[in-house]
Amino acid sequence: AGHLHDGGYCLDSHGVHHLTLEGVIETPPESNAFGTIY
């Protein structure tokens, strides 16, 4: 998921990972932000 710019994570009671990705919209213009999932 996204939306929450600070991000978040939990492993729930059923063993499902919930990953809220940090908001790249707040990345300074002179830098870069991205993620790759393998």
All heavy atoms as atom14 arrays in JSON, in Angstrom:
{
  "sequence": "AGHLHDGGYCLDSHGVHHLTLEGVIETPPESNAFGTIY",
  "atom14_mask": [
    [1, 1, 1, 1, 1, 0, 0, 0, 0, 0, 0, 0, 0, 0],
    [1, 1, 1, 1, 0, 0, 0, 0, 0, 0, 0, 0, 0, 0],
    [1, 1, 1, 1, 1, 1, 1, 1, 1, 1, 0, 0, 0, 0],
    [1, 1, 1, 1, 1, 1, 1, 1, 0, 0, 0, 0, 0, 0],
    [1, 1, 1, 1, 1, 1, 1, 1, 1, 1, 0, 0, 0, 0],
    [1, 1, 1, 1, 1, 1, 1, 1, 0, 0, 0, 0, 0, 0],
    [1, 1, 1, 1, 0, 0, 0, 0, 0, 0, 0, 0, 0, 0],
    [1, 1, 1, 1, 0, 0, 0, 0, 0, 0, 0, 0, 0, 0],
    [1, 1, 1, 1, 1, 1, 1, 1, 1, 1, 1, 1, 0, 0],
    [1, 1, 1, 1, 1, 1, 0, 0, 0, 0, 0, 0, 0, 0],
    [1, 1, 1, 1, 1, 1, 1, 1, 0, 0, 0, 0, 0, 0],
    [1, 1, 1, 1, 1, 1, 1, 1, 0, 0, 0, 0, 0, 0],
    [1, 1, 1, 1, 1, 1, 0, 0, 0, 0, 0, 0, 0, 0],
    [1, 1, 1, 1, 1, 1, 1, 1, 1, 1, 0, 0, 0, 0],
    [1, 1, 1, 1, 0, 0, 0, 0, 0, 0, 0, 0, 0, 0],
    [1, 1, 1, 1, 1, 1, 1, 0, 0, 0, 0, 0, 0, 0],
    [1, 1, 1, 1, 1, 1, 1, 1, 1, 1, 0, 0, 0, 0],
    [1, 1, 1, 1, 1, 1, 1, 1, 1, 1, 0, 0, 0, 0],
    [1, 1, 1, 1, 1, 1, 1, 1, 0, 0, 0, 0, 0, 0],
    [1, 1, 1, 1, 1, 1, 1, 0, 0, 0, 0, 0, 0, 0],
    [1, 1, 1, 1, 1, 1, 1, 1, 0, 0, 0, 0, 0, 0],
    [1, 1, 1, 1, 1, 1, 1, 1, 1, 0, 0, 0, 0, 0],
    [1, 1, 1, 1, 0, 0, 0, 0, 0, 0, 0, 0, 0, 0],
    [1, 1, 1, 1, 1, 1, 1, 0, 0, 0, 0, 0, 0, 0],
    [1, 1, 1, 1, 1, 1, 1, 1, 0, 0, 0, 0, 0, 0],
    [1, 1, 1, 1, 1, 1, 1, 1, 1, 0, 0, 0, 0, 0],
    [1, 1, 1, 1, 1, 1, 1, 0, 0, 0, 0, 0, 0, 0],
    [1, 1, 1, 1, 1, 1, 1, 0, 0, 0, 0, 0, 0, 0],
    [1, 1, 1, 1, 1, 1, 1, 0, 0, 0, 0, 0, 0, 0],
    [1, 1, 1, 1, 1, 1, 1, 1, 1, 0, 0, 0, 0, 0],
    [1, 1, 1, 1, 1, 1, 0, 0, 0, 0, 0, 0, 0, 0],
    [1, 1, 1, 1, 1, 1, 1, 1, 0, 0, 0, 0, 0, 0],
    [1, 1, 1, 1, 1, 0, 0, 0, 0, 0, 0, 0, 0, 0],
    [1, 1, 1, 1, 1, 1, 1, 1, 1, 1, 1, 0, 0, 0],
    [1, 1, 1, 1, 0, 0, 0, 0, 0, 0, 0, 0, 0, 0],
    [1, 1, 1, 1, 1, 1, 1, 0, 0, 0, 0, 0, 0, 0],
    [1, 1, 1, 1, 1, 1, 1, 1, 0, 0, 0, 0, 0, 0],
    [1, 1, 1, 1, 1, 1, 1, 1, 1, 1, 1, 1, 0, 0]
  ],
  "atom14_positions": [
    [[0.84, -1.19, 0.0], [0.0, 0.0, 0.0], [0.88, 1.25, 0.0], [2.1, 1.18, 0.06], [-0.92, -0.01, 1.22], [0.0, 0.0, 0.0], [0.0, 0.0, 0.0], [0.0, 0.0, 0.0], [0.0, 0.0, 0.0], [0.0, 0.0, 0.0], [0.0, 0.0, 0.0], [0.0, 0.0, 0.0], [0.0, 0.0, 0.0], [0.0, 0.0, 0.0]],
    [[0.22, 2.39, -0.08], [0.9, 3.67, -0.04], [0.15, 4.61, 0.89], [-0.26, 4.23, 1.98], [0.0, 0.0, 0.0], [0.0, 0.0, 0.0], [0.0, 0.0, 0.0], [0.0, 0.0, 0.0], [0.0, 0.0, 0.0], [0.0, 0.0, 0.0], [0.0, 0.0, 0.0], [0.0, 0.0, 0.0], [0.0, 0.0, 0.0], [0.0, 0.0, 0.0]],
    [[-0.06, 5.87, 0.45], [-0.93, 6.84, 1.12], [-0.32, 7.46, 2.37], [-0.28, 8.68, 2.5], [-2.27, 6.19, 1.43], [-3.39, 7.18, 1.65], [-3.68, 8.19, 0.78], [-4.29, 7.28, 2.66], [-4.72, 8.87, 1.24], [-5.1, 8.35, 2.37], [0.0, 0.0, 0.0], [0.0, 0.0, 0.0], [0.0, 0.0, 0.0], [0.0, 0.0, 0.0]],
    [[0.13, 6.63, 3.31], [0.77, 7.14, 4.53], [2.23, 7.41, 4.21], [3.02, 6.49, 4.05], [0.64, 6.12, 5.66], [1.32, 6.5, 6.98], [0.65, 7.71, 7.6], [1.3, 5.32, 7.95], [0.0, 0.0, 0.0], [0.0, 0.0, 0.0], [0.0, 0.0, 0.0], [0.0, 0.0, 0.0], [0.0, 0.0, 0.0], [0.0, 0.0, 0.0]],
    [[2.6, 8.67, 4.12], [3.93, 9.03, 3.6], [5.08, 8.56, 4.47], [6.2, 8.37, 3.99], [4.01, 10.55, 3.38], [3.15, 11.02, 2.26], [3.24, 12.28, 1.72], [2.15, 10.39, 1.56], [2.36, 12.42, 0.75], [1.67, 11.29, 0.64], [0.0, 0.0, 0.0], [0.0, 0.0, 0.0], [0.0, 0.0, 0.0], [0.0, 0.0, 0.0]],
    [[4.83, 8.35, 5.75], [5.89, 7.85, 6.63], [6.11, 6.35, 6.5], [7.09, 5.81, 7.02], [5.58, 8.18, 8.1], [5.72, 9.67, 8.39], [6.42, 10.35, 7.62], [5.14, 10.14, 9.38], [0.0, 0.0, 0.0], [0.0, 0.0, 0.0], [0.0, 0.0, 0.0], [0.0, 0.0, 0.0], [0.0, 0.0, 0.0], [0.0, 0.0, 0.0]],
    [[5.2, 5.66, 5.85], [5.31, 4.22, 5.67], [4.94, 3.44, 6.91], [4.68, 4.01, 7.99], [0.0, 0.0, 0.0], [0.0, 0.0, 0.0], [0.0, 0.0, 0.0], [0.0, 0.0, 0.0], [0.0, 0.0, 0.0], [0.0, 0.0, 0.0], [0.0, 0.0, 0.0], [0.0, 0.0, 0.0], [0.0, 0.0, 0.0], [0.0, 0.0, 0.0]],
    [[4.87, 2.13, 6.79], [4.53, 1.27, 7.92], [4.68, -0.19, 7.53], [4.78, -0.53, 6.35], [0.0, 0.0, 0.0], [0.0, 0.0, 0.0], [0.0, 0.0, 0.0], [0.0, 0.0, 0.0], [0.0, 0.0, 0.0], [0.0, 0.0, 0.0], [0.0, 0.0, 0.0], [0.0, 0.0, 0.0], [0.0, 0.0, 0.0], [0.0, 0.0, 0.0]],
    [[4.68, -1.06, 8.54], [4.82, -2.49, 8.28], [4.28, -3.28, 9.45], [4.42, -2.89, 10.63], [6.29, -2.88, 8.06], [6.49, -4.39, 8.06], [6.21, -5.13, 6.93], [6.92, -5.06, 9.21], [6.35, -6.52, 6.92], [7.05, -6.43, 9.22], [6.76, -7.16, 8.08], [6.88, -8.52, 8.09], [0.0, 0.0, 0.0], [0.0, 0.0, 0.0]],
    [[3.67, -4.42, 9.14], [3.38, -5.42, 10.17], [3.25, -6.79, 9.52], [2.97, -6.91, 8.32], [2.1, -5.08, 10.95], [0.56, -5.47, 10.08], [0.0, 0.0, 0.0], [0.0, 0.0, 0.0], [0.0, 0.0, 0.0], [0.0, 0.0, 0.0], [0.0, 0.0, 0.0], [0.0, 0.0, 0.0], [0.0, 0.0, 0.0], [0.0, 0.0, 0.0]],
    [[3.49, -7.81, 10.32], [3.19, -9.2, 9.96], [1.97, -9.57, 10.76], [2.02, -9.6, 12.0], [4.37, -10.11, 10.28], [4.19, -11.6, 9.97], [4.04, -11.82, 8.48], [5.36, -12.41, 10.54], [0.0, 0.0, 0.0], [0.0, 0.0, 0.0], [0.0, 0.0, 0.0], [0.0, 0.0, 0.0], [0.0, 0.0, 0.0], [0.0, 0.0, 0.0]],
    [[0.84, -9.82, 10.09], [-0.39, -9.99, 10.85], [-0.54, -11.4, 11.42], [0.32, -12.27, 11.22], [-1.61, -9.56, 10.02], [-2.01, -10.54, 8.91], [-1.63, -11.72, 8.96], [-2.74, -10.12, 7.99], [0.0, 0.0, 0.0], [0.0, 0.0, 0.0], [0.0, 0.0, 0.0], [0.0, 0.0, 0.0], [0.0, 0.0, 0.0], [0.0, 0.0, 0.0]],
    [[-1.63, -11.63, 12.12], [-1.85, -12.88, 12.85], [-2.01, -14.09, 11.92], [-1.93, -15.23, 12.37], [-3.09, -12.75, 13.74], [-4.24, -12.45, 12.95], [0.0, 0.0, 0.0], [0.0, 0.0, 0.0], [0.0, 0.0, 0.0], [0.0, 0.0, 0.0], [0.0, 0.0, 0.0], [0.0, 0.0, 0.0], [0.0, 0.0, 0.0], [0.0, 0.0, 0.0]],
    [[-2.24, -13.83, 10.63], [-2.39, -14.91, 9.65], [-1.12, -15.1, 8.81], [-1.13, -15.83, 7.82], [-3.58, -14.65, 8.73], [-4.91, -14.82, 9.41], [-5.35, -13.99, 10.43], [-5.9, -15.74, 9.22], [-6.56, -14.38, 10.81], [-6.9, -15.44, 10.1], [0.0, 0.0, 0.0], [0.0, 0.0, 0.0], [0.0, 0.0, 0.0], [0.0, 0.0, 0.0]],
    [[-0.05, -14.42, 9.2], [1.21, -14.56, 8.48], [1.31, -13.75, 7.21], [2.18, -14.02, 6.36], [0.0, 0.0, 0.0], [0.0, 0.0, 0.0], [0.0, 0.0, 0.0], [0.0, 0.0, 0.0], [0.0, 0.0, 0.0], [0.0, 0.0, 0.0], [0.0, 0.0, 0.0], [0.0, 0.0, 0.0], [0.0, 0.0, 0.0], [0.0, 0.0, 0.0]],
    [[0.45, -12.75, 7.04], [0.47, -11.9, 5.85], [1.3, -10.64, 6.15], [1.07, -9.97, 7.16], [-0.96, -11.5, 5.43], [-0.92, -10.58, 4.2], [-1.8, -12.74, 5.14], [0.0, 0.0, 0.0], [0.0, 0.0, 0.0], [0.0, 0.0, 0.0], [0.0, 0.0, 0.0], [0.0, 0.0, 0.0], [0.0, 0.0, 0.0], [0.0, 0.0, 0.0]],
    [[2.23, -10.33, 5.26], [3.02, -9.1, 5.39], [2.19, -7.93, 4.87], [1.6, -8.01, 3.78], [4.31, -9.2, 4.57], [5.23, -10.28, 5.01], [6.15, -10.12, 6.03], [5.39, -11.57, 4.57], [6.84, -11.23, 6.19], [6.4, -12.13, 5.32], [0.0, 0.0, 0.0], [0.0, 0.0, 0.0], [0.0, 0.0, 0.0], [0.0, 0.0, 0.0]],
    [[2.16, -6.83, 5.62], [1.51, -5.6, 5.18], [2.58, -4.52, 5.14], [3.08, -4.08, 6.18], [0.39, -5.2, 6.14], [-0.75, -6.16, 6.14], [-1.91, -5.94, 5.42], [-0.92, -7.35, 6.78], [-2.74, -6.95, 5.6], [-2.16, -7.82, 6.43], [0.0, 0.0, 0.0], [0.0, 0.0, 0.0], [0.0, 0.0, 0.0], [0.0, 0.0, 0.0]],
    [[2.93, -4.09, 3.94], [3.98, -3.1, 3.77], [3.39, -1.83, 3.17], [2.84, -1.85, 2.06], [5.07, -3.65, 2.85], [6.22, -2.7, 2.51], [6.98, -2.28, 3.77], [7.17, -3.34, 1.51], [0.0, 0.0, 0.0], [0.0, 0.0, 0.0], [0.0, 0.0, 0.0], [0.0, 0.0, 0.0], [0.0, 0.0, 0.0], [0.0, 0.0, 0.0]],
    [[3.48, -0.73, 3.91], [3.06, 0.57, 3.42], [4.32, 1.34, 3.03], [5.16, 1.64, 3.88], [2.28, 1.34, 4.5], [1.17, 0.54, 4.94], [1.78, 2.67, 3.97], [0.0, 0.0, 0.0], [0.0, 0.0, 0.0], [0.0, 0.0, 0.0], [0.0, 0.0, 0.0], [0.0, 0.0, 0.0], [0.0, 0.0, 0.0], [0.0, 0.0, 0.0]],
    [[4.46, 1.6, 1.75], [5.68, 2.21, 1.24], [5.73, 3.71, 1.53], [4.7, 4.4, 1.45], [5.79, 1.97, -0.26], [5.97, 0.5, -0.65], [5.61, 0.29, -2.12], [7.38, 0.03, -0.36], [0.0, 0.0, 0.0], [0.0, 0.0, 0.0], [0.0, 0.0, 0.0], [0.0, 0.0, 0.0], [0.0, 0.0, 0.0], [0.0, 0.0, 0.0]],
    [[6.91, 4.19, 1.86], [7.09, 5.62, 2.12], [6.75, 6.44, 0.88], [6.91, 6.0, -0.25], [8.55, 5.89, 2.53], [8.95, 5.25, 3.85], [9.47, 3.83, 3.73], [9.33, 3.24, 2.62], [10.0, 3.29, 4.71], [0.0, 0.0, 0.0], [0.0, 0.0, 0.0], [0.0, 0.0, 0.0], [0.0, 0.0, 0.0], [0.0, 0.0, 0.0]],
    [[6.28, 7.66, 1.11], [5.86, 8.52, 0.01], [7.04, 9.15, -0.7], [7.74, 9.99, -0.14], [0.0, 0.0, 0.0], [0.0, 0.0, 0.0], [0.0, 0.0, 0.0], [0.0, 0.0, 0.0], [0.0, 0.0, 0.0], [0.0, 0.0, 0.0], [0.0, 0.0, 0.0], [0.0, 0.0, 0.0], [0.0, 0.0, 0.0], [0.0, 0.0, 0.0]],
    [[7.27, 8.77, -1.96], [8.4, 9.33, -2.7], [8.14, 10.78, -3.1], [9.05, 11.49, -3.52], [8.72, 8.49, -3.96], [9.13, 7.08, -3.56], [7.54, 8.43, -4.92], [0.0, 0.0, 0.0], [0.0, 0.0, 0.0], [0.0, 0.0, 0.0], [0.0, 0.0, 0.0], [0.0, 0.0, 0.0], [0.0, 0.0, 0.0], [0.0, 0.0, 0.0]],
    [[6.88, 11.22, -2.96], [6.55, 12.6, -3.3], [7.32, 13.61, -2.43], [7.51, 14.76, -2.81], [5.02, 12.83, -3.19], [4.61, 14.13, -3.87], [4.57, 12.82, -1.73], [3.12, 14.33, -3.96], [0.0, 0.0, 0.0], [0.0, 0.0, 0.0], [0.0, 0.0, 0.0], [0.0, 0.0, 0.0], [0.0, 0.0, 0.0], [0.0, 0.0, 0.0]],
    [[7.77, 13.16, -1.27], [8.5, 14.05, -0.36], [10.02, 13.98, -0.56], [10.78, 14.54, 0.21], [8.14, 13.72, 1.08], [6.67, 13.99, 1.38], [6.3, 13.73, 2.82], [7.21, 13.54, 3.63], [5.1, 13.72, 3.12], [0.0, 0.0, 0.0], [0.0, 0.0, 0.0], [0.0, 0.0, 0.0], [0.0, 0.0, 0.0], [0.0, 0.0, 0.0]],
    [[10.47, 13.28, -1.59], [11.89, 13.21, -1.89], [12.38, 14.55, -2.43], [11.75, 15.12, -3.33], [12.16, 12.12, -2.94], [11.65, 10.88, -2.45], [13.64, 11.97, -3.23], [0.0, 0.0, 0.0], [0.0, 0.0, 0.0], [0.0, 0.0, 0.0], [0.0, 0.0, 0.0], [0.0, 0.0, 0.0], [0.0, 0.0, 0.0], [0.0, 0.0, 0.0]],
    [[13.48, 15.09, -1.92], [14.01, 16.36, -2.44], [14.29, 16.28, -3.94], [14.68, 15.23, -4.44], [15.3, 16.56, -1.62], [15.1, 15.76, -0.38], [14.27, 14.59, -0.78], [0.0, 0.0, 0.0], [0.0, 0.0, 0.0], [0.0, 0.0, 0.0], [0.0, 0.0, 0.0], [0.0, 0.0, 0.0], [0.0, 0.0, 0.0], [0.0, 0.0, 0.0]],
    [[14.1, 17.38, -4.67], [14.25, 17.35, -6.13], [15.62, 16.89, -6.61], [15.73, 16.27, -7.67], [14.01, 18.82, -6.53], [13.2, 19.38, -5.42], [13.64, 18.68, -4.18], [0.0, 0.0, 0.0], [0.0, 0.0, 0.0], [0.0, 0.0, 0.0], [0.0, 0.0, 0.0], [0.0, 0.0, 0.0], [0.0, 0.0, 0.0], [0.0, 0.0, 0.0]],
    [[16.67, 17.16, -5.84], [18.0, 16.81, -6.31], [18.39, 15.37, -6.0], [19.5, 14.93, -6.33], [19.05, 17.76, -5.69], [19.23, 17.62, -4.19], [18.2, 18.39, -3.37], [17.27, 18.96, -3.99], [18.31, 18.39, -2.12], [0.0, 0.0, 0.0], [0.0, 0.0, 0.0], [0.0, 0.0, 0.0], [0.0, 0.0, 0.0], [0.0, 0.0, 0.0]],
    [[17.49, 14.61, -5.36], [17.8, 13.22, -5.0], [16.87, 12.28, -5.75], [16.17, 12.68, -6.67], [17.69, 13.02, -3.49], [16.36, 13.26, -3.07], [0.0, 0.0, 0.0], [0.0, 0.0, 0.0], [0.0, 0.0, 0.0], [0.0, 0.0, 0.0], [0.0, 0.0, 0.0], [0.0, 0.0, 0.0], [0.0, 0.0, 0.0], [0.0, 0.0, 0.0]],
    [[16.87, 11.01, -5.35], [16.1, 10.0, -6.06], [15.51, 9.03, -5.04], [16.11, 8.81, -3.99], [17.02, 9.26, -7.05], [16.23, 8.56, -8.14], [15.01, 8.58, -8.14], [16.93, 7.93, -9.06], [0.0, 0.0, 0.0], [0.0, 0.0, 0.0], [0.0, 0.0, 0.0], [0.0, 0.0, 0.0], [0.0, 0.0, 0.0], [0.0, 0.0, 0.0]],
    [[14.37, 8.45, -5.35], [13.76, 7.45, -4.46], [12.97, 6.47, -5.3], [12.18, 6.85, -6.15], [12.86, 8.11, -3.43], [0.0, 0.0, 0.0], [0.0, 0.0, 0.0], [0.0, 0.0, 0.0], [0.0, 0.0, 0.0], [0.0, 0.0, 0.0], [0.0, 0.0, 0.0], [0.0, 0.0, 0.0], [0.0, 0.0, 0.0], [0.0, 0.0, 0.0]],
    [[13.22, 5.2, -5.07], [12.45, 4.15, -5.73], [12.71, 2.84, -4.99], [13.6, 2.75, -4.15], [12.82, 4.01, -7.21], [14.25, 3.62, -7.47], [14.6, 2.28, -7.53], [15.22, 4.59, -7.65], [15.92, 1.91, -7.77], [16.54, 4.23, -7.89], [16.89, 2.89, -7.95], [0.0, 0.0, 0.0], [0.0, 0.0, 0.0], [0.0, 0.0, 0.0]],
    [[11.92, 1.85, -5.3], [12.13, 0.52, -4.72], [11.95, -0.55, -5.77], [11.17, -0.39, -6.71], [0.0, 0.0, 0.0], [0.0, 0.0, 0.0], [0.0, 0.0, 0.0], [0.0, 0.0, 0.0], [0.0, 0.0, 0.0], [0.0, 0.0, 0.0], [0.0, 0.0, 0.0], [0.0, 0.0, 0.0], [0.0, 0.0, 0.0], [0.0, 0.0, 0.0]],
    [[12.7, -1.63, -5.64], [12.56, -2.79, -6.51], [12.28, -4.01, -5.65], [13.0, -4.25, -4.67], [13.85, -3.02, -7.32], [14.16, -1.85, -8.08], [13.68, -4.21, -8.27], [0.0, 0.0, 0.0], [0.0, 0.0, 0.0], [0.0, 0.0, 0.0], [0.0, 0.0, 0.0], [0.0, 0.0, 0.0], [0.0, 0.0, 0.0], [0.0, 0.0, 0.0]],
    [[11.24, -4.75, -5.98], [10.9, -5.96, -5.23], [11.32, -7.18, -6.03], [10.95, -7.34, -7.2], [9.41, -6.03, -4.9], [9.04, -4.94, -3.88], [9.03, -7.39, -4.35], [7.61, -4.96, -3.43], [0.0, 0.0, 0.0], [0.0, 0.0, 0.0], [0.0, 0.0, 0.0], [0.0, 0.0, 0.0], [0.0, 0.0, 0.0], [0.0, 0.0, 0.0]],
    [[12.12, -8.03, -5.39], [12.57, -9.29, -5.99], [11.71, -10.41, -5.4], [11.58, -10.51, -4.17], [14.05, -9.51, -5.7], [14.93, -8.43, -6.29], [15.22, -7.27, -5.57], [15.47, -8.57, -7.58], [16.01, -6.26, -6.13], [16.26, -7.57, -8.13], [16.53, -6.42, -7.4], [17.32, -5.43, -7.95], [0.0, 0.0, 0.0], [0.0, 0.0, 0.0]]
  ]
}
